[in-house]
Protein backbone atom coordinates (compact mmCIF):
# COMPACT_ATOMS: atom_id res chain seq x y z
CA MET A 1 -29.65 80.23 -81.24
CA SER A 2 -27.28 77.88 -79.01
CA ASN A 3 -28.51 79.37 -75.91
CA THR A 4 -32.53 78.52 -77.03
CA ILE A 5 -31.24 75.15 -77.99
CA LYS A 6 -29.69 74.41 -74.44
CA PHE A 7 -32.61 75.75 -72.46
CA LYS A 8 -34.76 73.84 -74.62
CA THR A 9 -33.09 70.79 -73.93
CA ALA A 10 -32.61 71.54 -70.17
CA LEU A 11 -36.46 72.12 -69.87
CA VAL A 12 -37.28 68.76 -71.80
CA LEU A 13 -34.89 66.60 -69.31
CA PHE A 14 -36.77 68.60 -65.79
CA LEU A 15 -39.84 67.66 -67.78
CA PHE A 16 -38.93 64.08 -68.28
CA MET A 17 -37.77 63.86 -64.37
CA ILE A 18 -40.84 64.81 -63.25
CA LEU A 19 -42.94 62.56 -65.04
CA PHE A 20 -40.32 59.82 -64.20
CA MET A 21 -40.61 60.67 -60.75
CA GLY A 22 -44.46 60.48 -60.64
CA CYS A 23 -44.85 57.23 -62.26
CA ASN A 24 -42.22 56.25 -59.83
CA ASN A 25 -44.31 57.45 -56.86
CA ASN A 26 -47.45 55.66 -58.02
CA ASN A 27 -45.64 52.08 -58.46
CA ASN A 28 -44.28 52.72 -54.60
CA THR A 29 -48.13 53.78 -53.60
CA GLU A 30 -49.58 50.78 -55.61
CA LYS A 31 -47.13 48.35 -53.74
CA SER A 32 -47.55 49.92 -50.45
CA THR A 33 -51.37 49.39 -50.90
CA VAL A 34 -50.72 45.72 -51.92
CA LYS A 35 -48.62 45.45 -48.53
CA THR A 36 -51.50 47.19 -46.16
CA GLU A 37 -54.03 44.82 -47.83
CA THR A 38 -51.79 41.81 -47.03
CA LYS A 39 -51.69 42.94 -43.18
CA ALA A 40 -55.12 43.31 -42.96
CA LEU A 41 -56.01 39.71 -43.81
CA LYS A 42 -57.31 38.43 -40.61
CA LYS A 43 -56.23 35.10 -39.44
CA ILE A 44 -58.40 31.81 -38.54
CA LEU A 45 -58.41 29.90 -35.41
CA PHE A 46 -58.87 26.47 -35.34
CA VAL A 47 -59.95 24.39 -32.33
CA VAL A 48 -58.89 20.87 -31.19
CA THR A 49 -59.79 18.76 -28.59
CA SER A 50 -57.39 18.27 -25.64
CA HIS A 51 -59.21 15.12 -24.76
CA ASN A 52 -57.25 11.65 -25.29
CA GLU A 53 -59.63 9.16 -24.30
CA LYS A 54 -62.96 7.47 -25.15
CA GLY A 55 -64.82 7.62 -22.31
CA ASN A 56 -63.86 4.59 -20.06
CA THR A 57 -63.24 2.12 -23.05
CA GLY A 58 -59.38 2.60 -22.67
CA GLU A 59 -59.17 3.60 -26.49
CA LYS A 60 -57.54 6.75 -27.39
CA THR A 61 -58.60 9.12 -29.19
CA GLY A 62 -58.10 13.19 -29.91
CA TYR A 63 -58.29 15.34 -32.72
CA TYR A 64 -58.85 13.89 -36.08
CA LEU A 65 -55.90 14.63 -38.39
CA GLY A 66 -57.41 14.89 -41.89
CA GLU A 67 -60.11 17.28 -40.20
CA VAL A 68 -57.43 19.73 -39.34
CA SER A 69 -54.95 18.99 -42.42
CA HIS A 70 -57.64 19.16 -45.42
CA PRO A 71 -59.01 22.49 -44.47
CA TRP A 72 -55.84 23.95 -43.14
CA ASP A 73 -54.39 23.15 -46.83
CA VAL A 74 -57.60 24.98 -48.34
CA LEU A 75 -57.51 28.10 -46.30
CA HIS A 76 -53.50 28.14 -45.89
CA THR A 77 -53.16 27.81 -49.77
CA ALA A 78 -55.61 30.69 -49.92
CA GLY A 79 -53.08 33.19 -47.92
CA TYR A 80 -54.78 32.58 -44.53
CA GLU A 81 -52.40 32.38 -41.10
CA ILE A 82 -53.94 29.81 -38.73
CA ASP A 83 -53.59 29.64 -34.81
CA PHE A 84 -54.43 26.53 -32.92
CA VAL A 85 -56.45 26.75 -29.39
CA SER A 86 -57.38 23.67 -27.09
CA PRO A 87 -59.53 23.87 -23.90
CA LYS A 88 -55.99 22.99 -22.15
CA GLY A 89 -53.51 24.39 -24.38
CA GLY A 90 -50.39 22.79 -25.21
CA LYS A 91 -49.83 19.72 -27.23
CA ALA A 92 -52.96 18.29 -28.61
CA PRO A 93 -53.70 14.46 -28.50
CA VAL A 94 -53.88 13.41 -32.44
CA ASP A 95 -55.95 10.35 -33.92
CA ALA A 96 -56.43 9.15 -37.39
CA PHE A 97 -52.25 9.27 -38.01
CA ASP A 98 -52.41 8.68 -41.38
CA MET A 99 -49.30 9.66 -43.43
CA THR A 100 -50.83 7.39 -46.73
CA ASP A 101 -53.17 10.75 -46.89
CA THR A 102 -50.76 13.67 -48.45
CA ILE A 103 -52.71 16.55 -46.98
CA ASN A 104 -51.97 14.84 -43.78
CA LYS A 105 -48.37 14.20 -44.54
CA LYS A 106 -48.02 17.91 -46.36
CA PHE A 107 -49.32 19.62 -42.55
CA TRP A 108 -47.14 17.06 -40.53
CA ASP A 109 -43.86 18.12 -42.27
CA ASN A 110 -44.97 21.76 -41.95
CA ASP A 111 -42.20 22.81 -38.94
CA ILE A 112 -44.34 25.82 -38.28
CA TYR A 113 -47.62 23.83 -38.54
CA ARG A 114 -46.52 21.14 -36.62
CA ASN A 115 -44.79 23.53 -33.99
CA LYS A 116 -48.09 25.09 -33.65
CA ILE A 117 -50.39 22.17 -33.14
CA GLU A 118 -47.75 20.57 -30.46
CA HIS A 119 -48.18 23.94 -28.57
CA THR A 120 -51.77 25.25 -28.85
CA LYS A 121 -52.87 28.25 -27.20
CA GLN A 122 -55.24 28.48 -24.21
CA PRO A 123 -58.34 30.36 -24.41
CA HIS A 124 -57.42 32.99 -22.50
CA GLU A 125 -54.55 34.08 -25.03
CA ILE A 126 -56.93 34.52 -27.71
CA ASN A 127 -58.53 37.63 -28.80
CA PRO A 128 -61.35 37.08 -30.66
CA ASP A 129 -61.20 40.57 -32.75
CA ASP A 130 -57.72 38.91 -34.64
CA TYR A 131 -59.44 36.33 -36.21
CA ILE A 132 -61.78 36.34 -39.49
CA ALA A 133 -63.14 32.62 -38.56
CA ILE A 134 -63.13 29.94 -36.25
CA HIS A 135 -63.27 26.03 -37.17
CA TYR A 136 -63.95 22.97 -34.97
CA ALA A 137 -61.93 20.19 -35.64
CA GLY A 138 -63.59 16.79 -34.96
CA GLY A 139 -62.43 13.88 -33.26
CA HIS A 140 -64.50 11.95 -30.61
CA GLY A 141 -62.22 13.67 -27.66
CA ALA A 142 -64.32 16.59 -28.80
CA MET A 143 -67.38 15.14 -27.37
CA TRP A 144 -65.90 15.47 -23.88
CA ASP A 145 -64.18 18.72 -23.68
CA PHE A 146 -65.88 21.07 -26.38
CA ALA A 147 -69.37 21.65 -25.36
CA ASP A 148 -68.86 23.01 -21.92
CA ASN A 149 -65.93 25.11 -22.85
CA THR A 150 -67.86 28.59 -22.05
CA GLU A 151 -64.36 30.39 -22.93
CA ILE A 152 -64.01 28.88 -26.70
CA ALA A 153 -68.13 29.45 -27.31
CA GLU A 154 -67.67 33.08 -25.88
CA ILE A 155 -64.54 33.65 -28.19
CA ALA A 156 -66.83 31.92 -31.24
CA ALA A 157 -69.76 33.97 -30.35
CA LYS A 158 -68.00 37.20 -30.70
CA ILE A 159 -66.01 35.86 -34.07
CA TYR A 160 -69.55 35.27 -35.81
CA GLU A 161 -71.30 38.60 -34.55
CA ASN A 162 -68.00 40.62 -35.54
CA ASN A 163 -69.45 38.90 -39.31
CA GLY A 164 -67.24 36.28 -39.27
CA VAL A 165 -67.92 32.65 -40.30
CA VAL A 166 -68.14 29.86 -37.91
CA SER A 167 -66.90 26.35 -39.37
CA ALA A 168 -67.13 22.79 -37.75
CA VAL A 169 -66.53 18.94 -38.99
CA CYS A 170 -67.64 15.87 -37.95
CA HIS A 171 -67.74 15.85 -34.04
CA GLY A 172 -66.43 19.45 -33.98
CA PRO A 173 -70.08 20.62 -34.00
CA ALA A 174 -69.87 19.68 -30.53
CA GLY A 175 -68.57 22.82 -29.56
CA LEU A 176 -71.53 24.58 -31.62
CA VAL A 177 -74.25 23.01 -28.96
CA ASN A 178 -73.90 25.56 -26.15
CA ILE A 179 -72.77 28.67 -28.16
CA LYS A 180 -75.24 31.68 -27.28
CA LEU A 181 -75.31 34.91 -29.05
CA SER A 182 -75.86 38.32 -27.59
CA ASN A 183 -79.37 38.38 -27.75
CA GLY A 184 -79.56 34.76 -25.59
CA SER A 185 -80.34 32.64 -28.52
CA TYR A 186 -78.20 29.43 -29.60
CA LEU A 187 -76.05 29.97 -32.55
CA VAL A 188 -77.37 27.01 -34.37
CA ASP A 189 -80.99 28.11 -33.75
CA GLY A 190 -82.98 28.18 -37.07
CA LYS A 191 -80.38 27.16 -38.86
CA LYS A 192 -79.35 24.50 -41.44
CA VAL A 193 -76.35 22.20 -40.07
CA ASN A 194 -75.46 18.73 -39.91
CA ALA A 195 -72.45 16.63 -38.01
CA PHE A 196 -71.76 13.14 -37.15
CA THR A 197 -75.18 11.38 -37.13
CA ASN A 198 -76.63 8.90 -34.81
CA GLU A 199 -76.51 6.08 -37.48
CA GLU A 200 -72.57 6.89 -38.10
CA GLU A 201 -72.25 6.61 -34.05
CA ILE A 202 -74.31 3.54 -33.76
CA LYS A 203 -72.21 1.94 -36.66
CA VAL A 204 -68.92 2.82 -34.74
CA LYS A 205 -70.37 1.37 -31.42
CA LEU A 206 -69.86 4.44 -29.54
CA GLU A 207 -73.62 5.50 -29.42
CA ASP A 208 -73.74 4.32 -25.48
CA VAL A 209 -70.17 5.98 -24.67
CA VAL A 210 -70.39 9.28 -26.02
CA PRO A 211 -71.52 11.66 -23.34
CA PHE A 212 -74.52 12.73 -25.60
CA LEU A 213 -75.78 12.35 -29.29
CA LEU A 214 -74.46 15.36 -31.58
CA GLU A 215 -77.72 14.79 -33.67
CA ASP A 216 -79.93 14.86 -31.07
CA THR A 217 -78.88 17.80 -29.15
CA LEU A 218 -78.16 20.16 -32.14
CA LYS A 219 -81.71 19.88 -32.78
CA GLU A 220 -83.17 20.21 -29.12
CA ARG A 221 -81.07 23.61 -29.65
CA GLY A 222 -82.92 24.71 -32.27
CA ALA A 223 -80.62 23.52 -35.66
CA ILE A 224 -82.49 21.87 -38.90
CA PHE A 225 -80.33 18.96 -39.15
CA GLU A 226 -79.67 17.73 -42.76
CA LYS A 227 -77.65 14.37 -43.07
CA SER A 228 -76.84 11.90 -45.90
CA ALA A 229 -75.98 8.25 -45.78
CA PRO A 230 -73.55 7.09 -43.18
CA PHE A 231 -69.77 8.30 -43.75
CA THR A 232 -70.99 9.94 -47.09
CA LYS A 233 -69.33 13.43 -47.69
CA HIS A 234 -72.14 16.00 -46.65
CA VAL A 235 -72.04 20.20 -46.20
CA VAL A 236 -73.97 22.81 -45.19
CA THR A 237 -73.52 26.24 -45.20
CA ASP A 238 -76.30 28.71 -43.69
CA GLN A 239 -75.87 32.51 -42.51
CA ARG A 240 -71.73 32.03 -42.14
CA LEU A 241 -72.30 28.81 -40.42
CA VAL A 242 -70.47 26.13 -42.26
CA THR A 243 -70.76 22.00 -40.81
CA GLY A 244 -69.94 19.07 -42.40
CA GLN A 245 -70.76 15.45 -42.03
CA ASN A 246 -67.87 13.20 -41.10
CA PRO A 247 -64.29 13.01 -41.80
CA GLN A 248 -65.46 12.51 -45.73
CA SER A 249 -66.57 16.06 -45.45
CA ALA A 250 -63.65 17.68 -44.40
CA HIS A 251 -61.80 19.18 -47.24
CA SER A 252 -65.41 20.63 -48.80
CA VAL A 253 -65.65 22.35 -45.32
CA GLY A 254 -62.44 24.36 -46.11
CA LYS A 255 -63.79 24.92 -49.48
CA ALA A 256 -67.03 26.24 -48.40
CA THR A 257 -65.51 27.94 -45.52
CA LEU A 258 -63.08 29.74 -47.80
CA ASN A 259 -66.08 30.33 -50.41
CA GLU A 260 -67.89 32.44 -47.15
CA LEU A 261 -64.48 34.27 -46.80
CA GLN A 262 -64.35 35.35 -50.08
CA ARG A 263 -68.15 36.37 -50.42
CA LEU A 264 -67.88 38.63 -47.23
CA THR A 265 -65.09 40.35 -48.83
CA LYS A 266 -66.53 41.21 -51.64
CA SER A 267 -69.20 42.44 -50.04
CA ALA A 268 -67.15 44.45 -47.74
CA LYS A 269 -65.91 46.50 -50.92
């Protein structure tokens, strides 16, 4: 009788150990899956200008800080890592350095991202396959070195044709005007877009200083240009292309880009 009780007790203990180990393995599997999914989250590439002067005016310019910091805040908070590239690489010149904007300050006080934007990558260092989206930040400097940069245009085309998102704000769409897809068509052709408008350029008295007018050139490329009153927030999303009209639109461009990325993630499941 005593041996029978001992045998049953040992059997119960053995079965309990098997059950416990199985549950523990399931937990480890779940943790492993979460880690794998986290590692699989692709990065986002931000493009900033290397140009620091408004034509021959003697006035300094660069990338507009809020057009980096506000989209960065939305996308970084959502868990995306962001890299920076500029036509020349290295330290990018900054404009509209306003530390009363709490998001600007949050970005500028982040040691990791402050270091990244002061040591931007050169285009040849970028592998488009590493990125799920590309964002062109504005600032008047973009008007002089975005449009004709074929290396960054090719990076953007590859990201887009890999089912990624392309976004741009204010003068950032200068980087869109010469992007061609593999079928030879312009990226913006037939798509709704917006950017810094002719009226806005006239209001800041730079219509005769910039090398071209964004609104006119985007229309020439086949874009369906939408706009609001000068310096009013306006964002357009069309076929994985997100564009914002001015600095007031920067945060909303970040949100619209995130919405597109989340939509793509859901559709891929």
